[in-house]
N, C-alpha and C. Protein backbone atom coordinates (compact mmCIF):
# COMPACT_ATOMS: atom_id res chain seq x y z
N MET A 1 -4.51 23.41 43.55
CA MET A 1 -5.45 22.50 44.16
C MET A 1 -5.26 21.13 43.52
N ALA A 2 -5.17 20.14 44.37
CA ALA A 2 -4.95 18.77 43.91
C ALA A 2 -6.29 18.08 43.67
N ALA A 3 -6.23 16.97 42.96
CA ALA A 3 -7.42 16.13 42.76
C ALA A 3 -7.21 14.83 43.54
N LEU A 4 -8.28 14.34 44.17
CA LEU A 4 -8.19 13.06 44.85
C LEU A 4 -7.76 12.01 43.82
N PRO A 5 -6.69 11.27 44.08
CA PRO A 5 -6.29 10.22 43.14
C PRO A 5 -7.45 9.23 42.95
N MET A 6 -7.66 8.78 41.75
CA MET A 6 -8.75 7.85 41.48
C MET A 6 -8.22 6.55 40.87
N THR A 7 -6.98 6.20 41.19
CA THR A 7 -6.39 5.00 40.62
C THR A 7 -7.08 3.73 41.10
N VAL A 8 -7.64 3.72 42.31
CA VAL A 8 -8.35 2.54 42.81
C VAL A 8 -9.85 2.76 42.91
N GLY A 9 -10.32 3.98 42.65
CA GLY A 9 -11.75 4.27 42.72
C GLY A 9 -12.23 4.49 44.15
N ILE A 10 -13.55 4.46 44.30
CA ILE A 10 -14.19 4.66 45.60
C ILE A 10 -15.02 3.43 45.90
N GLU A 11 -14.83 2.86 47.10
CA GLU A 11 -15.62 1.68 47.48
C GLU A 11 -17.02 2.07 47.93
N SER A 12 -17.12 3.10 48.77
CA SER A 12 -18.42 3.58 49.21
C SER A 12 -18.33 5.05 49.57
N MET A 13 -19.49 5.71 49.51
CA MET A 13 -19.52 7.14 49.78
C MET A 13 -20.88 7.48 50.37
N THR A 14 -20.87 8.27 51.43
CA THR A 14 -22.10 8.81 51.99
C THR A 14 -22.09 10.30 51.72
N MET A 15 -23.12 10.77 51.03
CA MET A 15 -23.24 12.20 50.71
C MET A 15 -24.34 12.81 51.56
N ARG A 16 -24.14 14.07 51.96
CA ARG A 16 -25.14 14.82 52.70
C ARG A 16 -25.16 16.25 52.18
N LEU A 17 -26.35 16.80 52.13
CA LEU A 17 -26.52 18.23 51.84
C LEU A 17 -27.05 18.85 53.13
N VAL A 18 -26.26 19.72 53.75
CA VAL A 18 -26.59 20.28 55.05
C VAL A 18 -27.05 21.72 54.86
N SER A 19 -28.23 22.04 55.39
CA SER A 19 -28.79 23.39 55.30
C SER A 19 -28.73 24.06 56.66
N ALA A 20 -28.46 25.37 56.65
CA ALA A 20 -28.43 26.16 57.88
C ALA A 20 -29.86 26.62 58.17
N THR A 21 -30.66 25.69 58.65
CA THR A 21 -32.06 25.96 58.96
C THR A 21 -32.26 25.74 60.46
N ALA A 22 -32.96 26.67 61.08
CA ALA A 22 -33.25 26.56 62.51
C ALA A 22 -34.76 26.51 62.71
N ILE A 23 -35.16 25.91 63.79
CA ILE A 23 -36.59 25.82 64.09
C ILE A 23 -36.79 26.06 65.58
N THR A 24 -37.83 26.81 65.90
CA THR A 24 -38.22 26.97 67.29
C THR A 24 -39.64 26.44 67.43
N GLN A 25 -39.93 25.95 68.61
CA GLN A 25 -41.25 25.35 68.84
C GLN A 25 -41.79 25.79 70.20
N SER A 26 -43.02 26.22 70.21
CA SER A 26 -43.65 26.61 71.46
C SER A 26 -43.83 25.38 72.35
N PRO A 27 -43.45 25.48 73.61
CA PRO A 27 -43.65 24.33 74.51
C PRO A 27 -45.12 24.13 74.90
N PHE A 28 -45.96 25.14 74.57
CA PHE A 28 -47.36 25.06 74.97
C PHE A 28 -48.27 24.64 73.82
N THR A 29 -48.03 25.22 72.63
CA THR A 29 -48.92 24.92 71.49
C THR A 29 -48.26 24.03 70.45
N PHE A 30 -46.98 23.85 70.56
CA PHE A 30 -46.16 23.12 69.59
C PHE A 30 -46.13 23.80 68.22
N ASP A 31 -46.61 25.05 68.12
CA ASP A 31 -46.47 25.81 66.88
C ASP A 31 -44.99 25.98 66.60
N GLN A 32 -44.65 25.95 65.34
CA GLN A 32 -43.24 26.01 64.95
C GLN A 32 -42.97 27.22 64.07
N GLN A 33 -41.78 27.78 64.22
CA GLN A 33 -41.27 28.82 63.33
C GLN A 33 -39.98 28.30 62.73
N VAL A 34 -39.88 28.41 61.42
CA VAL A 34 -38.70 27.92 60.71
C VAL A 34 -37.92 29.11 60.16
N PHE A 35 -36.62 29.10 60.37
CA PHE A 35 -35.73 30.13 59.87
C PHE A 35 -34.76 29.48 58.89
N ALA A 36 -34.93 29.75 57.61
CA ALA A 36 -34.06 29.18 56.59
C ALA A 36 -32.98 30.20 56.25
N HIS A 37 -31.79 29.99 56.78
CA HIS A 37 -30.65 30.86 56.47
C HIS A 37 -30.07 30.44 55.13
N GLN A 38 -29.18 31.24 54.58
CA GLN A 38 -28.70 30.98 53.22
C GLN A 38 -27.65 29.87 53.12
N GLY A 39 -27.07 29.44 54.21
CA GLY A 39 -25.99 28.45 54.14
C GLY A 39 -26.47 27.04 53.78
N VAL A 40 -25.83 26.47 52.77
CA VAL A 40 -26.05 25.08 52.35
C VAL A 40 -24.70 24.55 51.89
N ARG A 41 -24.32 23.35 52.33
CA ARG A 41 -23.05 22.79 51.87
C ARG A 41 -23.15 21.26 51.80
N TRP A 42 -22.25 20.71 50.99
CA TRP A 42 -22.11 19.26 50.87
C TRP A 42 -21.18 18.75 51.96
N GLU A 43 -21.44 17.54 52.44
CA GLU A 43 -20.53 16.80 53.31
C GLU A 43 -20.48 15.38 52.80
N ALA A 44 -19.37 14.70 53.03
CA ALA A 44 -19.24 13.32 52.55
C ALA A 44 -18.32 12.51 53.44
N GLU A 45 -18.60 11.23 53.52
CA GLU A 45 -17.66 10.25 54.09
C GLU A 45 -17.33 9.28 52.97
N VAL A 46 -16.06 9.03 52.79
CA VAL A 46 -15.59 8.21 51.68
C VAL A 46 -14.73 7.07 52.21
N THR A 47 -14.97 5.88 51.68
CA THR A 47 -14.12 4.73 51.96
C THR A 47 -13.53 4.26 50.64
N LEU A 48 -12.22 4.15 50.63
CA LEU A 48 -11.52 3.65 49.44
C LEU A 48 -11.41 2.14 49.55
N PRO A 49 -11.29 1.44 48.43
CA PRO A 49 -11.17 -0.02 48.50
C PRO A 49 -9.83 -0.43 49.12
N PRO A 50 -9.75 -1.64 49.65
CA PRO A 50 -8.46 -2.13 50.17
C PRO A 50 -7.40 -2.06 49.08
N MET A 51 -6.18 -1.71 49.47
CA MET A 51 -5.11 -1.58 48.47
C MET A 51 -3.77 -2.05 49.02
N THR A 52 -2.90 -2.38 48.11
CA THR A 52 -1.55 -2.82 48.46
C THR A 52 -0.69 -1.62 48.83
N ARG A 53 0.46 -1.88 49.38
CA ARG A 53 1.39 -0.80 49.74
C ARG A 53 1.74 0.04 48.53
N ALA A 54 1.96 -0.60 47.40
CA ALA A 54 2.33 0.13 46.19
C ALA A 54 1.20 1.10 45.79
N GLU A 55 -0.04 0.67 45.91
CA GLU A 55 -1.18 1.54 45.58
C GLU A 55 -1.37 2.62 46.64
N ALA A 56 -1.15 2.27 47.91
CA ALA A 56 -1.44 3.17 49.03
C ALA A 56 -0.47 4.35 49.12
N LYS A 57 0.74 4.21 48.61
CA LYS A 57 1.73 5.28 48.72
C LYS A 57 1.22 6.59 48.14
N GLU A 58 0.55 6.51 47.00
CA GLU A 58 0.03 7.72 46.37
C GLU A 58 -0.99 8.42 47.28
N TYR A 59 -1.84 7.64 47.93
CA TYR A 59 -2.86 8.19 48.82
C TYR A 59 -2.26 8.72 50.12
N GLU A 60 -1.26 8.02 50.67
CA GLU A 60 -0.58 8.53 51.86
C GLU A 60 0.02 9.90 51.59
N GLY A 61 0.69 10.02 50.47
CA GLY A 61 1.30 11.31 50.11
C GLY A 61 0.26 12.38 49.86
N PHE A 62 -0.84 12.01 49.20
CA PHE A 62 -1.91 12.97 48.93
C PHE A 62 -2.49 13.51 50.23
N PHE A 63 -2.89 12.62 51.14
CA PHE A 63 -3.51 13.06 52.40
C PHE A 63 -2.53 13.84 53.27
N ALA A 64 -1.28 13.43 53.33
CA ALA A 64 -0.28 14.17 54.11
C ALA A 64 -0.10 15.58 53.54
N GLY A 65 -0.13 15.71 52.22
CA GLY A 65 0.04 17.00 51.57
C GLY A 65 -1.10 17.98 51.79
N LEU A 66 -2.26 17.48 52.18
CA LEU A 66 -3.40 18.38 52.43
C LEU A 66 -3.22 19.20 53.71
N ARG A 67 -2.35 18.71 54.62
CA ARG A 67 -2.11 19.39 55.90
C ARG A 67 -3.42 19.60 56.65
N GLY A 68 -4.15 18.51 56.81
CA GLY A 68 -5.42 18.59 57.53
C GLY A 68 -6.44 19.37 56.72
N MET A 69 -7.05 20.35 57.35
CA MET A 69 -8.10 21.14 56.71
C MET A 69 -7.56 22.30 55.88
N LYS A 70 -6.25 22.47 55.83
CA LYS A 70 -5.66 23.64 55.17
C LYS A 70 -5.91 23.67 53.67
N GLU A 71 -5.55 22.63 52.97
CA GLU A 71 -5.63 22.61 51.51
C GLU A 71 -6.96 22.04 51.03
N THR A 72 -7.33 22.38 49.81
CA THR A 72 -8.55 21.86 49.20
C THR A 72 -8.19 20.89 48.08
N PHE A 73 -9.18 20.10 47.66
CA PHE A 73 -8.98 19.15 46.57
C PHE A 73 -10.29 18.98 45.82
N THR A 74 -10.20 18.51 44.60
CA THR A 74 -11.40 18.20 43.84
C THR A 74 -11.64 16.69 43.93
N MET A 75 -12.92 16.34 43.92
CA MET A 75 -13.29 14.92 44.00
C MET A 75 -14.60 14.74 43.26
N TYR A 76 -14.71 13.64 42.54
CA TYR A 76 -15.97 13.29 41.91
C TYR A 76 -16.35 11.88 42.32
N ASN A 77 -17.64 11.59 42.19
CA ASN A 77 -18.15 10.25 42.47
C ASN A 77 -18.19 9.50 41.14
N PRO A 78 -17.39 8.47 40.97
CA PRO A 78 -17.33 7.78 39.68
C PRO A 78 -18.62 7.04 39.31
N LEU A 79 -19.56 6.93 40.24
CA LEU A 79 -20.81 6.23 39.97
C LEU A 79 -21.91 7.19 39.50
N VAL A 80 -21.63 8.49 39.47
CA VAL A 80 -22.63 9.49 39.09
C VAL A 80 -22.19 10.15 37.80
N SER A 81 -22.89 9.84 36.71
CA SER A 81 -22.53 10.42 35.42
C SER A 81 -23.73 10.30 34.49
N THR A 82 -23.99 11.33 33.71
CA THR A 82 -25.01 11.27 32.68
C THR A 82 -24.42 11.85 31.41
N SER A 83 -25.10 11.66 30.31
CA SER A 83 -24.59 12.14 29.02
C SER A 83 -25.19 13.49 28.64
N ALA A 84 -25.90 14.14 29.54
CA ALA A 84 -26.51 15.43 29.23
C ALA A 84 -25.46 16.52 29.10
N THR A 85 -25.80 17.55 28.38
CA THR A 85 -24.97 18.74 28.29
C THR A 85 -25.87 19.95 28.50
N ALA A 86 -25.29 21.05 28.95
CA ALA A 86 -26.09 22.25 29.18
C ALA A 86 -25.21 23.47 29.28
N THR A 87 -25.79 24.59 28.94
CA THR A 87 -25.23 25.90 29.28
C THR A 87 -26.29 26.58 30.12
N ILE A 88 -25.89 27.15 31.25
CA ILE A 88 -26.86 27.73 32.17
C ILE A 88 -26.53 29.19 32.47
N SER A 89 -27.54 29.89 32.97
CA SER A 89 -27.38 31.26 33.43
C SER A 89 -28.10 31.42 34.76
N GLY A 90 -27.48 32.20 35.65
CA GLY A 90 -28.08 32.48 36.96
C GLY A 90 -27.14 33.35 37.77
N ASP A 91 -27.69 33.95 38.81
CA ASP A 91 -26.90 34.81 39.70
C ASP A 91 -26.47 34.03 40.93
N VAL A 92 -25.46 34.51 41.62
CA VAL A 92 -25.00 33.91 42.86
C VAL A 92 -26.19 33.84 43.83
N GLY A 93 -26.41 32.66 44.43
CA GLY A 93 -27.49 32.47 45.38
C GLY A 93 -28.77 31.93 44.76
N ASP A 94 -28.85 31.89 43.43
CA ASP A 94 -30.06 31.36 42.77
C ASP A 94 -30.19 29.86 43.01
N THR A 95 -31.42 29.42 43.22
CA THR A 95 -31.70 27.99 43.31
C THR A 95 -32.52 27.52 42.11
N SER A 96 -32.74 28.43 41.16
CA SER A 96 -33.40 28.11 39.90
C SER A 96 -32.57 28.74 38.79
N VAL A 97 -32.14 27.93 37.82
CA VAL A 97 -31.30 28.43 36.73
C VAL A 97 -31.99 28.14 35.40
N THR A 98 -31.70 28.98 34.42
CA THR A 98 -32.22 28.76 33.08
C THR A 98 -31.08 28.33 32.18
N GLY A 99 -31.42 27.64 31.11
CA GLY A 99 -30.37 27.21 30.21
C GLY A 99 -30.88 26.42 29.03
N PHE A 100 -29.93 25.95 28.27
CA PHE A 100 -30.20 25.11 27.12
C PHE A 100 -29.67 23.72 27.44
N PHE A 101 -30.57 22.78 27.62
CA PHE A 101 -30.23 21.43 28.02
C PHE A 101 -30.43 20.48 26.85
N SER A 102 -29.50 19.54 26.70
CA SER A 102 -29.69 18.50 25.69
C SER A 102 -29.25 17.17 26.28
N GLY A 103 -29.81 16.11 25.75
CA GLY A 103 -29.52 14.80 26.29
C GLY A 103 -30.51 14.47 27.39
N SER A 104 -30.26 13.37 28.05
CA SER A 104 -31.16 12.89 29.09
C SER A 104 -30.68 13.34 30.46
N TYR A 105 -31.49 14.15 31.13
CA TYR A 105 -31.20 14.58 32.49
C TYR A 105 -32.51 14.61 33.25
N GLU A 106 -32.43 14.41 34.57
CA GLU A 106 -33.65 14.39 35.37
C GLU A 106 -33.35 14.79 36.81
N VAL A 107 -34.41 14.90 37.60
CA VAL A 107 -34.27 15.23 39.01
C VAL A 107 -33.34 14.19 39.66
N GLY A 108 -32.41 14.67 40.46
CA GLY A 108 -31.45 13.79 41.11
C GLY A 108 -30.12 13.67 40.38
N ASP A 109 -30.04 14.22 39.16
CA ASP A 109 -28.76 14.21 38.44
C ASP A 109 -27.86 15.32 38.98
N TYR A 110 -26.56 15.07 38.91
CA TYR A 110 -25.56 16.01 39.39
C TYR A 110 -24.86 16.66 38.21
N PHE A 111 -24.39 17.89 38.44
CA PHE A 111 -23.52 18.55 37.48
C PHE A 111 -22.56 19.45 38.25
N SER A 112 -21.50 19.87 37.57
CA SER A 112 -20.58 20.79 38.23
C SER A 112 -20.37 22.03 37.36
N LEU A 113 -20.09 23.12 38.05
CA LEU A 113 -19.79 24.39 37.42
C LEU A 113 -18.71 25.05 38.28
N ASP A 114 -17.59 25.38 37.66
CA ASP A 114 -16.48 26.02 38.37
C ASP A 114 -16.03 25.22 39.59
N ASP A 115 -16.00 23.90 39.48
CA ASP A 115 -15.59 22.99 40.55
C ASP A 115 -16.50 23.05 41.78
N TYR A 116 -17.76 23.39 41.57
CA TYR A 116 -18.79 23.27 42.60
C TYR A 116 -19.81 22.24 42.14
N LEU A 117 -20.29 21.44 43.08
CA LEU A 117 -21.20 20.34 42.78
C LEU A 117 -22.64 20.76 43.07
N TYR A 118 -23.55 20.43 42.13
CA TYR A 118 -24.97 20.75 42.26
C TYR A 118 -25.81 19.52 41.96
N ILE A 119 -27.02 19.49 42.51
CA ILE A 119 -27.97 18.43 42.20
C ILE A 119 -29.26 19.10 41.71
N ILE A 120 -29.89 18.50 40.70
CA ILE A 120 -31.16 19.00 40.19
C ILE A 120 -32.27 18.53 41.13
N THR A 121 -33.06 19.48 41.63
CA THR A 121 -34.13 19.14 42.58
C THR A 121 -35.52 19.21 41.96
N ASN A 122 -35.65 19.88 40.81
CA ASN A 122 -36.94 20.00 40.16
C ASN A 122 -36.72 20.44 38.72
N LYS A 123 -37.61 20.04 37.83
CA LYS A 123 -37.53 20.40 36.42
C LYS A 123 -38.85 21.06 36.01
N PRO A 124 -39.06 22.34 36.37
CA PRO A 124 -40.34 22.97 36.07
C PRO A 124 -40.60 23.19 34.58
N SER A 125 -39.55 23.30 33.76
CA SER A 125 -39.74 23.48 32.32
C SER A 125 -38.51 22.94 31.59
N SER A 126 -38.57 22.95 30.27
CA SER A 126 -37.44 22.43 29.49
C SER A 126 -36.25 23.36 29.50
N ILE A 127 -36.43 24.61 29.92
CA ILE A 127 -35.30 25.55 29.96
C ILE A 127 -34.95 26.01 31.37
N GLN A 128 -35.63 25.47 32.37
CA GLN A 128 -35.38 25.88 33.76
C GLN A 128 -35.27 24.64 34.64
N VAL A 129 -34.30 24.66 35.56
CA VAL A 129 -34.18 23.61 36.57
C VAL A 129 -33.92 24.26 37.92
N ASP A 130 -34.41 23.60 38.97
CA ASP A 130 -34.11 24.02 40.33
C ASP A 130 -32.95 23.18 40.83
N ILE A 131 -32.05 23.82 41.58
CA ILE A 131 -30.82 23.16 42.01
C ILE A 131 -30.57 23.39 43.49
N MET A 132 -29.68 22.61 44.05
CA MET A 132 -29.15 22.80 45.40
C MET A 132 -27.69 22.37 45.32
N PRO A 133 -26.81 22.95 46.04
CA PRO A 133 -26.96 24.18 46.82
C PRO A 133 -27.18 25.37 45.90
N PRO A 134 -27.46 26.54 46.47
CA PRO A 134 -27.62 27.74 45.64
C PRO A 134 -26.35 27.98 44.81
N LEU A 135 -26.52 28.60 43.67
CA LEU A 135 -25.42 28.86 42.75
C LEU A 135 -24.30 29.60 43.46
N ARG A 136 -23.07 29.07 43.38
CA ARG A 136 -21.91 29.65 44.08
C ARG A 136 -21.26 30.78 43.30
N THR A 137 -21.35 30.73 41.96
CA THR A 137 -20.74 31.74 41.11
C THR A 137 -21.76 32.18 40.07
N GLU A 138 -21.62 33.38 39.57
CA GLU A 138 -22.52 33.84 38.51
C GLU A 138 -22.28 33.01 37.25
N ALA A 139 -23.35 32.69 36.56
CA ALA A 139 -23.24 31.92 35.33
C ALA A 139 -23.95 32.67 34.21
N ILE A 140 -23.25 32.91 33.13
CA ILE A 140 -23.83 33.55 31.96
C ILE A 140 -23.53 32.65 30.77
N ASN A 141 -24.48 31.80 30.45
CA ASN A 141 -24.31 30.81 29.38
C ASN A 141 -23.05 29.97 29.59
N ASP A 142 -22.82 29.56 30.83
CA ASP A 142 -21.65 28.75 31.17
C ASP A 142 -21.97 27.27 30.93
N THR A 143 -21.01 26.55 30.42
CA THR A 143 -21.16 25.12 30.19
C THR A 143 -20.99 24.38 31.50
N VAL A 144 -21.91 23.45 31.79
CA VAL A 144 -21.83 22.65 33.00
C VAL A 144 -21.46 21.23 32.63
N ASP A 145 -20.87 20.51 33.59
CA ASP A 145 -20.37 19.16 33.35
C ASP A 145 -21.26 18.14 34.05
N PHE A 146 -21.98 17.34 33.27
CA PHE A 146 -22.78 16.24 33.81
C PHE A 146 -21.97 14.94 33.85
N THR A 147 -20.84 14.90 33.13
CA THR A 147 -20.01 13.70 33.05
C THR A 147 -18.97 13.75 34.16
N LEU A 148 -19.12 12.91 35.17
CA LEU A 148 -18.24 12.91 36.34
C LEU A 148 -18.14 14.29 36.97
N PRO A 149 -19.26 14.86 37.40
CA PRO A 149 -19.22 16.18 38.03
C PRO A 149 -18.43 16.15 39.34
N ASN A 150 -17.66 17.20 39.55
CA ASN A 150 -16.83 17.23 40.76
C ASN A 150 -17.12 18.47 41.58
N GLY A 151 -16.63 18.44 42.80
CA GLY A 151 -16.74 19.58 43.70
C GLY A 151 -15.40 19.85 44.34
N THR A 152 -15.30 20.98 45.01
CA THR A 152 -14.09 21.34 45.74
C THR A 152 -14.34 21.04 47.21
N TRP A 153 -13.42 20.29 47.81
CA TRP A 153 -13.60 19.76 49.16
C TRP A 153 -12.38 20.08 50.02
N ARG A 154 -12.58 19.97 51.33
CA ARG A 154 -11.47 19.98 52.28
C ARG A 154 -11.78 18.93 53.33
N LEU A 155 -10.75 18.42 53.95
CA LEU A 155 -10.97 17.43 55.00
C LEU A 155 -11.80 18.05 56.12
N ALA A 156 -12.64 17.25 56.76
CA ALA A 156 -13.49 17.74 57.85
C ALA A 156 -12.75 17.80 59.17
N SER A 157 -11.53 17.29 59.20
CA SER A 157 -10.74 17.26 60.42
C SER A 157 -9.28 17.48 60.07
N ASN A 158 -8.51 17.90 61.05
CA ASN A 158 -7.07 18.05 60.84
C ASN A 158 -6.33 16.73 60.99
N GLU A 159 -7.04 15.67 61.33
CA GLU A 159 -6.42 14.36 61.48
C GLU A 159 -6.81 13.46 60.30
N ILE A 160 -5.83 12.75 59.79
CA ILE A 160 -6.09 11.74 58.76
C ILE A 160 -5.30 10.50 59.15
N GLY A 161 -5.92 9.37 59.02
CA GLY A 161 -5.23 8.13 59.35
C GLY A 161 -5.64 7.04 58.38
N TRP A 162 -4.93 5.95 58.41
CA TRP A 162 -5.26 4.81 57.57
C TRP A 162 -4.90 3.55 58.32
N SER A 163 -5.50 2.46 57.90
CA SER A 163 -5.24 1.19 58.58
C SER A 163 -4.35 0.32 57.71
N ILE A 164 -3.56 -0.52 58.39
CA ILE A 164 -2.69 -1.48 57.70
C ILE A 164 -2.84 -2.80 58.45
N ASP A 165 -3.15 -3.87 57.70
CA ASP A 165 -3.29 -5.16 58.38
C ASP A 165 -2.03 -6.01 58.19
N ARG A 166 -2.05 -7.22 58.73
CA ARG A 166 -0.87 -8.11 58.70
C ARG A 166 -0.45 -8.49 57.29
N ALA A 167 -1.40 -8.46 56.36
CA ALA A 167 -1.08 -8.80 54.98
C ALA A 167 -0.63 -7.58 54.17
N SER A 168 -0.36 -6.49 54.87
CA SER A 168 0.03 -5.22 54.25
C SER A 168 -1.03 -4.68 53.30
N ILE A 169 -2.30 -4.86 53.68
CA ILE A 169 -3.41 -4.28 52.94
C ILE A 169 -3.82 -3.00 53.67
N TYR A 170 -3.92 -1.92 52.92
CA TYR A 170 -4.20 -0.60 53.47
C TYR A 170 -5.67 -0.26 53.30
N GLY A 171 -6.20 0.49 54.26
CA GLY A 171 -7.56 0.98 54.20
C GLY A 171 -7.61 2.47 54.52
N PHE A 172 -8.35 3.20 53.72
CA PHE A 172 -8.49 4.64 53.92
C PHE A 172 -9.97 5.00 53.98
N SER A 173 -10.36 5.75 55.00
CA SER A 173 -11.68 6.35 55.12
C SER A 173 -11.47 7.78 55.58
N PHE A 174 -12.24 8.70 55.02
CA PHE A 174 -12.09 10.09 55.41
C PHE A 174 -13.41 10.81 55.26
N ALA A 175 -13.56 11.89 56.03
CA ALA A 175 -14.72 12.76 55.96
C ALA A 175 -14.26 14.08 55.37
N CYS A 176 -15.12 14.68 54.54
CA CYS A 176 -14.78 15.95 53.94
C CYS A 176 -16.02 16.83 53.84
N ILE A 177 -15.78 18.14 53.71
CA ILE A 177 -16.85 19.12 53.58
C ILE A 177 -16.56 19.96 52.34
N GLU A 178 -17.63 20.50 51.78
CA GLU A 178 -17.45 21.37 50.62
C GLU A 178 -16.65 22.61 51.01
N ALA A 179 -15.70 22.97 50.18
CA ALA A 179 -14.91 24.19 50.38
C ALA A 179 -15.60 25.32 49.64
N ILE A 180 -16.12 26.27 50.39
CA ILE A 180 -16.90 27.36 49.78
C ILE A 180 -16.07 28.63 49.79
């Protein structure tokens, strides 16, 4: 599995957490029933900064090598980092994990475990945090990474393209989904 090259960084990124939740509504009373299925995944749109041909070659080769949606890659958001450290425990599917946390961390901070990306959604106690998406792998006192946490991704489409202007400045934008 390759890592997204970070030689030029990321200009902008839109992150989404998508839940497999359905809702039905009565046309007469407007009463609603909500069905929360277990599926939750990350999605992102990323724009890289403008780059020269020399810089763009690495990215052209990287994207071509992914073969559309076939291959996966790791990617982190360089703007999301904290100095916290932790070891956590939990079962696959848990949205609440226990652990030993040190340093400064709070709701909205990201961490990674086994190349899966998580966000803290609640801090009910000093040894327990609620997370999303649900835990992808079992954790038994596993160390998590709050410093540049990354996830495993695949392109959201089999097509990848880039723009080139008259001054030979390249532009790359792509959509990706979490590889589960």
